[in-house]
Amino acid sequence: MVEWVSSFTAKDLIFLLKAMMITLQLFGSALGLGLIVGFFAGIMRTYPRSVVVRKLASFYIEFFRSTPIMLQVIVFYFGISLFGLELSRGVVAAAGLSLYAGAYLGEILRAGIESVDRRQWQAAASLGMSYPQIMRGVILPQVVKICIPPSINFLVSLAKATSLVSVLGYIELTRAGRLIVERTYQPFLVWGIVMAIYFLICYPITIGGRRLEMRFQRKEVR
């Protein structure tokens, strides 16, 4: 038994922990940019004054939701070279995940906006409020509470989706695990550790989402 684990050293564990930090950075970048992109995509998707704006937002959302993220990242990585651009694997991975996240978060926002009773729109408009004022003061405060559960579920999926950028050779957690397995020939041990690390990343997101949801529920009761 000692010989079975002897080739997995503390350096390998440190390598995995460093890769975990890279994964967290990648997740944070994708989440931050994805929230911005998703906000505008969701607003555009429900914009009542322009069919063109709605169609463009709808195409973007449906395209990224209907194609595998791995292929999106690969096409984006090799496609930018056609325009003479040279970006690092990390930048391409973050950009690809951001566009992917923006599409899903935009769709979640669209569903939240459309779930608000139309009579509230009509009442706000009758008071002379403009579209931006209605969104900011009436609709979005309600949409935030509606969007929390599906958003938390997606964030967990996004954290796991960071593993797919390993196809570019970018050394995040999954790629680091594969490199160690190829050297140590201990897949059960290494992948077990990698799986445990992903659990430690994703589980707090779920717990935080539940607590946030409960906080909103308590405010409604009051």
Protein backbone atom coordinates (compact mmCIF):
# COMPACT_ATOMS: atom_id res chain seq x y z
CA MET A 1 0.00 0.00 0.00
CA VAL A 2 2.84 2.39 0.76
CA GLU A 3 4.40 1.75 -2.66
CA TRP A 4 1.03 2.38 -4.32
CA VAL A 5 0.91 5.98 -3.13
CA SER A 6 4.63 6.68 -2.94
CA SER A 7 4.84 8.46 -6.30
CA PHE A 8 2.21 11.02 -5.35
CA THR A 9 4.11 13.65 -3.42
CA ALA A 10 3.44 16.89 -1.59
CA LYS A 11 4.64 18.74 -4.69
CA ASP A 12 1.80 17.16 -6.66
CA LEU A 13 -0.72 18.30 -4.06
CA ILE A 14 0.71 21.82 -4.14
CA PHE A 15 0.48 21.74 -7.94
CA LEU A 16 -3.20 20.83 -7.69
CA LEU A 17 -3.84 23.59 -5.17
CA LYS A 18 -2.17 26.14 -7.45
CA ALA A 19 -4.30 24.85 -10.31
CA MET A 20 -7.35 25.25 -8.08
CA MET A 21 -6.50 28.94 -7.65
CA ILE A 22 -6.26 29.29 -11.43
CA THR A 23 -9.66 27.63 -11.74
CA LEU A 24 -11.10 30.05 -9.18
CA GLN A 25 -9.62 33.01 -11.07
CA LEU A 26 -11.07 31.68 -14.31
CA PHE A 27 -14.46 31.18 -12.67
CA GLY A 28 -14.38 34.68 -11.16
CA SER A 29 -13.49 36.29 -14.48
CA ALA A 30 -16.20 34.38 -16.33
CA LEU A 31 -18.75 35.25 -13.66
CA GLY A 32 -17.90 38.95 -13.55
CA LEU A 33 -17.91 39.46 -17.30
CA GLY A 34 -20.81 37.05 -17.74
CA LEU A 35 -22.98 39.08 -15.37
CA ILE A 36 -22.32 42.23 -17.39
CA VAL A 37 -22.96 40.53 -20.73
CA GLY A 38 -25.96 38.66 -19.37
CA PHE A 39 -27.52 41.83 -17.95
CA PHE A 40 -27.42 43.62 -21.29
CA ALA A 41 -28.47 40.49 -23.20
CA GLY A 42 -31.47 39.99 -20.91
CA ILE A 43 -32.53 43.64 -21.17
CA MET A 44 -32.13 43.62 -24.94
CA ARG A 45 -34.02 40.33 -25.20
CA THR A 46 -37.09 41.95 -23.61
CA TYR A 47 -36.71 45.45 -25.08
CA PRO A 48 -40.21 46.34 -26.32
CA ARG A 49 -39.30 49.13 -28.72
CA SER A 50 -37.08 47.34 -31.24
CA VAL A 51 -37.58 43.98 -32.90
CA VAL A 52 -34.02 44.09 -34.25
CA VAL A 53 -32.53 44.45 -30.76
CA ARG A 54 -34.62 41.56 -29.48
CA LYS A 55 -33.68 39.36 -32.44
CA LEU A 56 -29.95 40.05 -32.03
CA ALA A 57 -30.05 39.28 -28.32
CA SER A 58 -32.14 36.17 -28.97
CA PHE A 59 -29.66 34.90 -31.57
CA TYR A 60 -26.72 35.39 -29.24
CA ILE A 61 -28.46 33.63 -26.35
CA GLU A 62 -29.74 30.71 -28.38
CA PHE A 63 -26.46 30.21 -30.23
CA PHE A 64 -24.38 29.88 -27.08
CA ARG A 65 -27.02 27.79 -25.31
CA SER A 66 -27.38 25.43 -28.26
CA THR A 67 -23.71 24.63 -28.95
CA PRO A 68 -21.19 22.78 -26.74
CA ILE A 69 -18.98 25.10 -24.73
CA MET A 70 -15.91 23.04 -25.58
CA LEU A 71 -16.45 23.71 -29.28
CA GLN A 72 -17.12 27.38 -28.56
CA VAL A 73 -13.77 27.73 -26.84
CA ILE A 74 -11.93 25.83 -29.58
CA VAL A 75 -13.49 27.84 -32.43
CA PHE A 76 -12.88 31.09 -30.57
CA TYR A 77 -9.25 30.17 -29.89
CA PHE A 78 -8.45 29.31 -33.51
CA GLY A 79 -10.83 31.90 -34.97
CA ILE A 80 -9.12 34.93 -33.49
CA SER A 81 -5.96 34.05 -35.39
CA LEU A 82 -7.85 34.80 -38.62
CA PHE A 83 -8.00 38.43 -37.50
CA GLY A 84 -4.31 38.58 -36.68
CA LEU A 85 -4.87 38.52 -32.93
CA GLU A 86 -2.70 36.55 -30.56
CA LEU A 87 -4.21 36.00 -27.14
CA SER A 88 -3.05 33.72 -24.36
CA ARG A 89 -4.94 30.53 -23.58
CA GLY A 90 -6.07 32.03 -20.28
CA VAL A 91 -7.61 35.09 -21.93
CA VAL A 92 -9.35 32.96 -24.56
CA ALA A 93 -10.67 30.59 -21.88
CA ALA A 94 -12.02 33.47 -19.78
CA ALA A 95 -13.59 35.18 -22.81
CA GLY A 96 -15.20 31.96 -24.02
CA LEU A 97 -16.64 31.14 -20.61
CA SER A 98 -17.86 34.74 -20.22
CA LEU A 99 -19.84 34.60 -23.46
CA TYR A 100 -21.23 31.22 -22.43
CA ALA A 101 -22.20 32.54 -18.99
CA GLY A 102 -23.67 35.72 -20.45
CA ALA A 103 -26.04 33.72 -22.64
CA TYR A 104 -27.41 31.64 -19.77
CA LEU A 105 -27.61 34.54 -17.32
CA GLY A 106 -29.28 36.66 -19.98
CA GLU A 107 -31.93 33.98 -20.49
CA ILE A 108 -32.47 33.74 -16.73
CA LEU A 109 -32.93 37.51 -16.59
CA ARG A 110 -35.33 37.42 -19.53
CA ALA A 111 -37.47 34.81 -17.82
CA GLY A 112 -37.46 36.85 -14.62
CA ILE A 113 -38.50 40.05 -16.36
CA GLU A 114 -41.31 38.38 -18.28
CA SER A 115 -42.60 36.72 -15.09
CA VAL A 116 -43.48 40.10 -13.56
CA ASP A 117 -47.17 40.90 -13.92
CA ARG A 118 -47.80 43.15 -16.93
CA ARG A 119 -50.18 45.23 -14.84
CA GLN A 120 -47.19 46.56 -12.92
CA TRP A 121 -45.70 47.80 -16.18
CA GLN A 122 -48.98 49.45 -17.08
CA ALA A 123 -49.38 51.04 -13.66
CA ALA A 124 -45.83 52.45 -13.72
CA ALA A 125 -46.30 53.75 -17.28
CA SER A 126 -49.57 55.44 -16.27
CA LEU A 127 -47.59 57.39 -13.68
CA GLY A 128 -45.42 58.80 -16.44
CA MET A 129 -42.36 56.67 -15.70
CA SER A 130 -39.96 56.04 -18.57
CA TYR A 131 -38.79 52.56 -19.57
CA PRO A 132 -35.45 52.87 -17.72
CA GLN A 133 -37.26 54.16 -14.62
CA ILE A 134 -39.72 51.26 -14.70
CA MET A 135 -36.91 48.73 -15.04
CA ARG A 136 -34.78 50.28 -12.31
CA GLY A 137 -37.47 51.12 -9.79
CA VAL A 138 -40.19 48.51 -10.30
CA ILE A 139 -39.12 45.46 -12.29
CA LEU A 140 -35.48 44.69 -11.47
CA PRO A 141 -35.92 44.69 -7.65
CA GLN A 142 -38.48 41.90 -8.08
CA VAL A 143 -36.48 40.08 -10.74
CA VAL A 144 -33.45 39.75 -8.44
CA LYS A 145 -35.41 37.55 -6.03
CA ILE A 146 -36.90 35.50 -8.87
CA CYS A 147 -33.53 34.88 -10.53
CA ILE A 148 -31.56 33.74 -7.49
CA PRO A 149 -32.40 29.98 -7.56
CA PRO A 150 -31.73 29.40 -11.28
CA SER A 151 -28.65 31.64 -11.15
CA ILE A 152 -27.12 29.66 -8.28
CA ASN A 153 -27.71 26.41 -10.17
CA PHE A 154 -25.99 27.86 -13.20
CA LEU A 155 -23.03 29.15 -11.19
CA VAL A 156 -22.37 25.62 -9.97
CA SER A 157 -22.47 24.43 -13.58
CA LEU A 158 -20.15 27.26 -14.61
CA ALA A 159 -17.61 26.31 -11.95
CA LYS A 160 -17.58 22.76 -13.31
CA ALA A 161 -17.51 23.97 -16.91
CA THR A 162 -14.10 25.55 -16.32
CA SER A 163 -12.71 22.01 -16.63
CA LEU A 164 -13.58 22.01 -20.33
CA VAL A 165 -11.01 24.67 -21.21
CA SER A 166 -8.34 22.05 -20.55
CA VAL A 167 -8.88 21.13 -24.21
CA LEU A 168 -6.77 24.22 -25.02
CA GLY A 169 -3.89 22.91 -22.93
CA TYR A 170 -4.58 25.58 -20.33
CA ILE A 171 -3.41 24.26 -16.98
CA GLU A 172 -6.38 24.58 -14.65
CA LEU A 173 -7.49 21.97 -12.13
CA THR A 174 -8.58 19.23 -14.54
CA ARG A 175 -5.55 19.66 -16.80
CA ALA A 176 -3.25 19.57 -13.76
CA GLY A 177 -4.90 16.35 -12.59
CA ARG A 178 -4.40 14.77 -16.01
CA LEU A 179 -0.70 15.70 -16.03
CA ILE A 180 -0.19 14.15 -12.60
CA VAL A 181 -2.07 10.98 -13.59
CA GLU A 182 0.13 10.60 -16.67
CA ARG A 183 3.22 10.77 -14.47
CA THR A 184 2.11 8.79 -11.42
CA TYR A 185 -0.33 6.27 -12.98
CA GLN A 186 -2.61 6.72 -9.97
CA PRO A 187 -5.93 7.83 -11.49
CA PHE A 188 -8.12 6.84 -8.54
CA LEU A 189 -6.10 8.85 -6.03
CA VAL A 190 -5.50 11.89 -8.22
CA TRP A 191 -9.00 12.17 -9.66
CA GLY A 192 -10.45 11.57 -6.22
CA ILE A 193 -8.52 14.58 -4.93
CA VAL A 194 -9.56 16.67 -7.95
CA MET A 195 -13.19 15.72 -7.40
CA ALA A 196 -12.95 16.68 -3.74
CA ILE A 197 -11.51 20.08 -4.69
CA TYR A 198 -14.36 20.72 -7.13
CA PHE A 199 -16.78 19.83 -4.35
CA LEU A 200 -15.10 22.37 -2.05
CA ILE A 201 -15.51 24.99 -4.79
CA CYS A 202 -19.14 24.26 -5.70
CA TYR A 203 -20.73 23.39 -2.37
CA PRO A 204 -20.21 26.84 -0.77
CA ILE A 205 -21.91 28.39 -3.81
CA THR A 206 -24.98 26.25 -3.16
CA ILE A 207 -25.00 27.04 0.56
CA GLY A 208 -24.55 30.75 -0.08
CA GLY A 209 -27.41 30.74 -2.58
CA ARG A 210 -29.74 29.03 -0.12
CA ARG A 211 -28.94 31.52 2.61
CA LEU A 212 -29.46 34.44 0.24
CA GLU A 213 -32.79 33.00 -0.86
CA MET A 214 -33.89 32.52 2.76
CA ARG A 215 -32.90 36.10 3.56
CA PHE A 216 -35.16 37.41 0.79
CA GLN A 217 -37.98 35.19 2.05
CA ARG A 218 -37.64 36.56 5.59
CA LYS A 219 -37.81 40.11 4.24
CA GLU A 220 -41.03 39.28 2.40
CA VAL A 221 -42.58 37.88 5.58
CA ARG A 222 -41.75 41.06 7.47
